[in-house]
Amino acid sequence: MFHDDYSTPLVAISREIQEAVERKNYYVALIAGLSLIDMCAALESEDGEANKDKFAQWFDTNMIDYVPKDGTERAKKLSLSGKECYTFRNKLLHQGRAALLDDKAPRSHKTGVIAFSIGSASFHRSNLEGNYYVDIPNFLGDICRAVSNWRVRMTGNSSFERNHARMLQYGTEVPGGANRPGHYLF
């Protein structure tokens, strides 16, 4: 199955995340969604690379509904910071774990566990007994919308344009390659 719109890698990845959610492929969708944040952080950076600080800054800037509005304990309990999301990203991608905090982090307002609700009885951006709950379709939809809005703001940004041109592309011919009929990512 091929998409109607592979006009940009970001559009294609966002669409595939949404399709994975619709098919209830939640592991794949979460991994792709968190990777998409990392890609965006790299795309807007001068050196084209992402790291913990760039990921956290992108998340805190573009996923503002998740970021604490003030320094109160209640705000911290009901929020997800860029640093927490980066820790979760690493724990999920590299260890298959759902953890928000490093093992040594203080547990003043969260246990460090992130739970993803699925189905009709879902919780979104909630904290129950220290566990942080996020609804998968809502969370990934928010990521895809944030990426779309961010992409529009990046138009004309020289770092973004340079790095975006180097992303994996879709086409029917591989530049400089011995091509056979078909579709390619290169």
Protein backbone atom coordinates (compact mmCIF):
# COMPACT_ATOMS: atom_id res chain seq x y z
CA MET A 1 0.00 0.00 0.00
CA PHE A 2 1.39 3.38 -0.98
CA HIS A 3 0.33 6.74 0.39
CA ASP A 4 -1.14 9.47 -1.73
CA ASP A 5 1.23 11.99 -0.18
CA TYR A 6 4.92 11.32 0.27
CA SER A 7 5.58 14.99 -0.48
CA THR A 8 7.81 15.24 2.57
CA PRO A 9 9.20 12.58 4.89
CA LEU A 10 7.50 14.31 7.84
CA VAL A 11 4.09 14.02 6.19
CA ALA A 12 4.66 10.36 5.39
CA ILE A 13 5.90 9.48 8.89
CA SER A 14 3.00 11.33 10.55
CA ARG A 15 0.52 9.56 8.33
CA GLU A 16 2.08 6.17 9.08
CA ILE A 17 1.93 6.87 12.82
CA GLN A 18 -1.78 7.67 12.51
CA GLU A 19 -2.34 4.48 10.49
CA ALA A 20 -0.48 2.43 13.10
CA VAL A 21 -2.77 3.84 15.81
CA GLU A 22 -5.87 3.07 13.73
CA ARG A 23 -4.64 -0.52 13.38
CA LYS A 24 -3.88 -0.67 17.13
CA ASN A 25 -0.15 -1.13 16.47
CA TYR A 26 0.66 0.88 19.58
CA TYR A 27 4.27 -0.18 20.10
CA VAL A 28 5.23 0.80 16.57
CA ALA A 29 3.23 4.03 16.79
CA LEU A 30 4.86 5.08 20.09
CA ILE A 31 8.36 4.32 18.88
CA ALA A 32 7.76 6.22 15.65
CA GLY A 33 6.13 9.17 17.44
CA LEU A 34 9.01 9.56 19.88
CA SER A 35 11.50 9.17 17.03
CA LEU A 36 9.67 11.88 15.09
CA ILE A 37 10.27 14.35 17.94
CA ASP A 38 13.96 13.45 17.80
CA MET A 39 14.04 13.97 14.03
CA CYS A 40 12.44 17.41 14.35
CA ALA A 41 14.95 18.43 17.01
CA ALA A 42 17.76 17.41 14.65
CA LEU A 43 16.19 19.06 11.61
CA GLU A 44 16.08 22.50 13.20
CA SER A 45 19.59 22.30 14.67
CA GLU A 46 22.59 23.88 13.01
CA ASP A 47 24.58 20.63 13.01
CA GLY A 48 21.65 18.40 12.01
CA GLU A 49 22.05 16.30 15.15
CA ALA A 50 19.72 15.72 18.10
CA ASN A 51 20.57 15.18 21.74
CA LYS A 52 18.79 15.21 25.10
CA ASP A 53 18.71 19.00 25.39
CA LYS A 54 17.53 19.56 21.80
CA PHE A 55 14.82 16.89 22.17
CA ALA A 56 13.63 18.39 25.47
CA GLN A 57 13.59 21.91 24.05
CA TRP A 58 11.62 20.83 20.97
CA PHE A 59 9.09 19.01 23.17
CA ASP A 60 8.76 21.88 25.65
CA THR A 61 8.32 24.42 22.83
CA ASN A 62 5.95 22.44 20.62
CA MET A 63 4.02 20.20 23.02
CA ILE A 64 3.08 23.05 25.34
CA ASP A 65 -0.11 21.45 26.64
CA TYR A 66 2.06 18.80 28.32
CA VAL A 67 4.58 21.17 29.92
CA PRO A 68 4.04 22.43 33.50
CA LYS A 69 2.42 25.84 33.51
CA ASP A 70 3.90 26.80 36.87
CA GLY A 71 6.14 25.30 39.54
CA THR A 72 3.36 23.95 41.77
CA GLU A 73 3.30 20.28 42.74
CA ARG A 74 -0.09 19.89 41.05
CA ALA A 75 1.28 21.26 37.76
CA LYS A 76 4.28 18.93 37.96
CA LYS A 77 2.06 15.92 38.65
CA LEU A 78 -0.18 16.62 35.65
CA SER A 79 2.58 17.46 33.19
CA LEU A 80 5.15 15.73 31.06
CA SER A 81 8.36 17.68 30.57
CA GLY A 82 10.69 17.38 27.62
CA LYS A 83 13.35 15.81 29.85
CA GLU A 84 10.88 13.23 31.16
CA CYS A 85 9.73 12.45 27.62
CA TYR A 86 13.35 12.03 26.52
CA THR A 87 13.98 9.59 29.37
CA PHE A 88 10.84 7.71 28.37
CA ARG A 89 11.99 7.68 24.74
CA ASN A 90 15.32 6.14 25.70
CA LYS A 91 13.79 3.61 28.10
CA LEU A 92 11.24 2.51 25.48
CA LEU A 93 13.55 2.41 22.46
CA HIS A 94 16.54 0.81 24.16
CA GLN A 95 15.06 -1.24 27.00
CA GLY A 96 11.39 -1.70 26.15
CA ARG A 97 10.42 0.00 29.43
CA ALA A 98 7.77 2.59 30.29
CA ALA A 99 9.66 4.89 32.63
CA LEU A 100 9.65 8.68 32.89
CA LEU A 101 12.48 9.19 35.30
CA ASP A 102 16.03 7.98 35.58
CA ASP A 103 16.42 5.29 38.20
CA LYS A 104 18.20 7.77 40.49
CA ALA A 105 15.71 10.64 40.08
CA PRO A 106 13.69 11.81 43.09
CA ARG A 107 10.09 10.60 43.16
CA SER A 108 8.49 13.67 44.75
CA HIS A 109 5.50 13.91 42.41
CA LYS A 110 5.68 10.85 40.15
CA THR A 111 6.63 7.22 40.66
CA GLY A 112 8.48 7.28 37.38
CA VAL A 113 5.97 5.02 35.66
CA ILE A 114 4.13 6.12 32.53
CA ALA A 115 1.03 4.14 31.63
CA PHE A 116 -0.70 4.37 28.30
CA SER A 117 -4.43 3.95 28.34
CA ILE A 118 -6.15 2.26 25.46
CA GLY A 119 -9.86 2.13 24.71
CA SER A 120 -13.00 3.74 26.01
CA ALA A 121 -11.96 4.00 29.68
CA SER A 122 -8.86 5.98 28.88
CA PHE A 123 -7.17 8.67 30.92
CA HIS A 124 -5.18 11.43 29.30
CA ARG A 125 -2.55 13.55 31.05
CA SER A 126 -3.57 12.26 34.45
CA ASN A 127 -1.66 11.27 37.55
CA LEU A 128 -3.15 8.54 39.72
CA GLU A 129 -1.13 7.47 42.76
CA GLY A 130 2.04 8.81 41.15
CA ASN A 131 1.65 6.99 37.84
CA TYR A 132 1.39 9.29 34.82
CA TYR A 133 -1.33 8.26 32.33
CA VAL A 134 -1.46 9.22 28.67
CA ASP A 135 -3.99 8.11 26.07
CA ILE A 136 -2.05 6.74 23.10
CA PRO A 137 -4.23 8.09 20.25
CA ASN A 138 -4.40 11.54 21.85
CA PHE A 139 -0.68 11.68 22.62
CA LEU A 140 0.38 10.61 19.13
CA GLY A 141 -2.22 12.86 17.50
CA ASP A 142 -0.81 15.76 19.51
CA ILE A 143 2.72 14.90 18.33
CA CYS A 144 1.65 14.76 14.68
CA ARG A 145 -0.23 18.08 14.94
CA ALA A 146 2.75 19.70 16.68
CA VAL A 147 5.05 18.47 13.91
CA SER A 148 2.71 19.80 11.22
CA ASN A 149 2.48 23.23 12.88
CA TRP A 150 6.23 23.31 13.52
CA ARG A 151 6.94 22.36 9.87
CA VAL A 152 5.03 25.41 8.66
CA ARG A 153 7.01 27.67 11.03
CA MET A 154 10.29 26.18 9.78
CA THR A 155 9.67 27.16 6.15
CA GLY A 156 12.63 29.27 5.07
CA ASN A 157 14.79 28.30 8.07
CA SER A 158 18.18 27.51 6.53
CA SER A 159 19.14 24.79 9.03
CA PHE A 160 15.80 23.06 8.59
CA GLU A 161 15.84 23.29 4.79
CA ARG A 162 19.40 21.93 4.58
CA ASN A 163 18.75 19.06 7.01
CA HIS A 164 15.33 18.22 5.59
CA ALA A 165 16.79 17.79 2.11
CA ARG A 166 19.08 15.08 3.52
CA MET A 167 16.23 13.00 5.01
CA LEU A 168 15.23 9.65 3.61
CA GLN A 169 13.16 10.40 0.50
CA TYR A 170 10.50 8.56 -1.47
CA GLY A 171 10.60 8.19 -5.21
CA THR A 172 10.29 5.95 -8.24
CA GLU A 173 13.92 6.40 -9.27
CA VAL A 174 17.06 6.29 -7.15
CA PRO A 175 19.41 9.15 -8.10
CA GLY A 176 22.47 7.72 -9.84
CA GLY A 177 21.25 4.16 -9.37
CA ALA A 178 20.49 1.33 -11.74
CA ASN A 179 16.74 1.64 -11.46
CA ARG A 180 14.14 -1.02 -11.83
CA PRO A 181 10.44 -0.21 -11.93
CA GLY A 182 9.06 0.31 -8.44
CA HIS A 183 8.94 2.57 -5.43
CA TYR A 184 11.99 3.40 -3.35
CA LEU A 185 13.05 5.04 -0.12
CA PHE A 186 16.56 6.44 -0.48
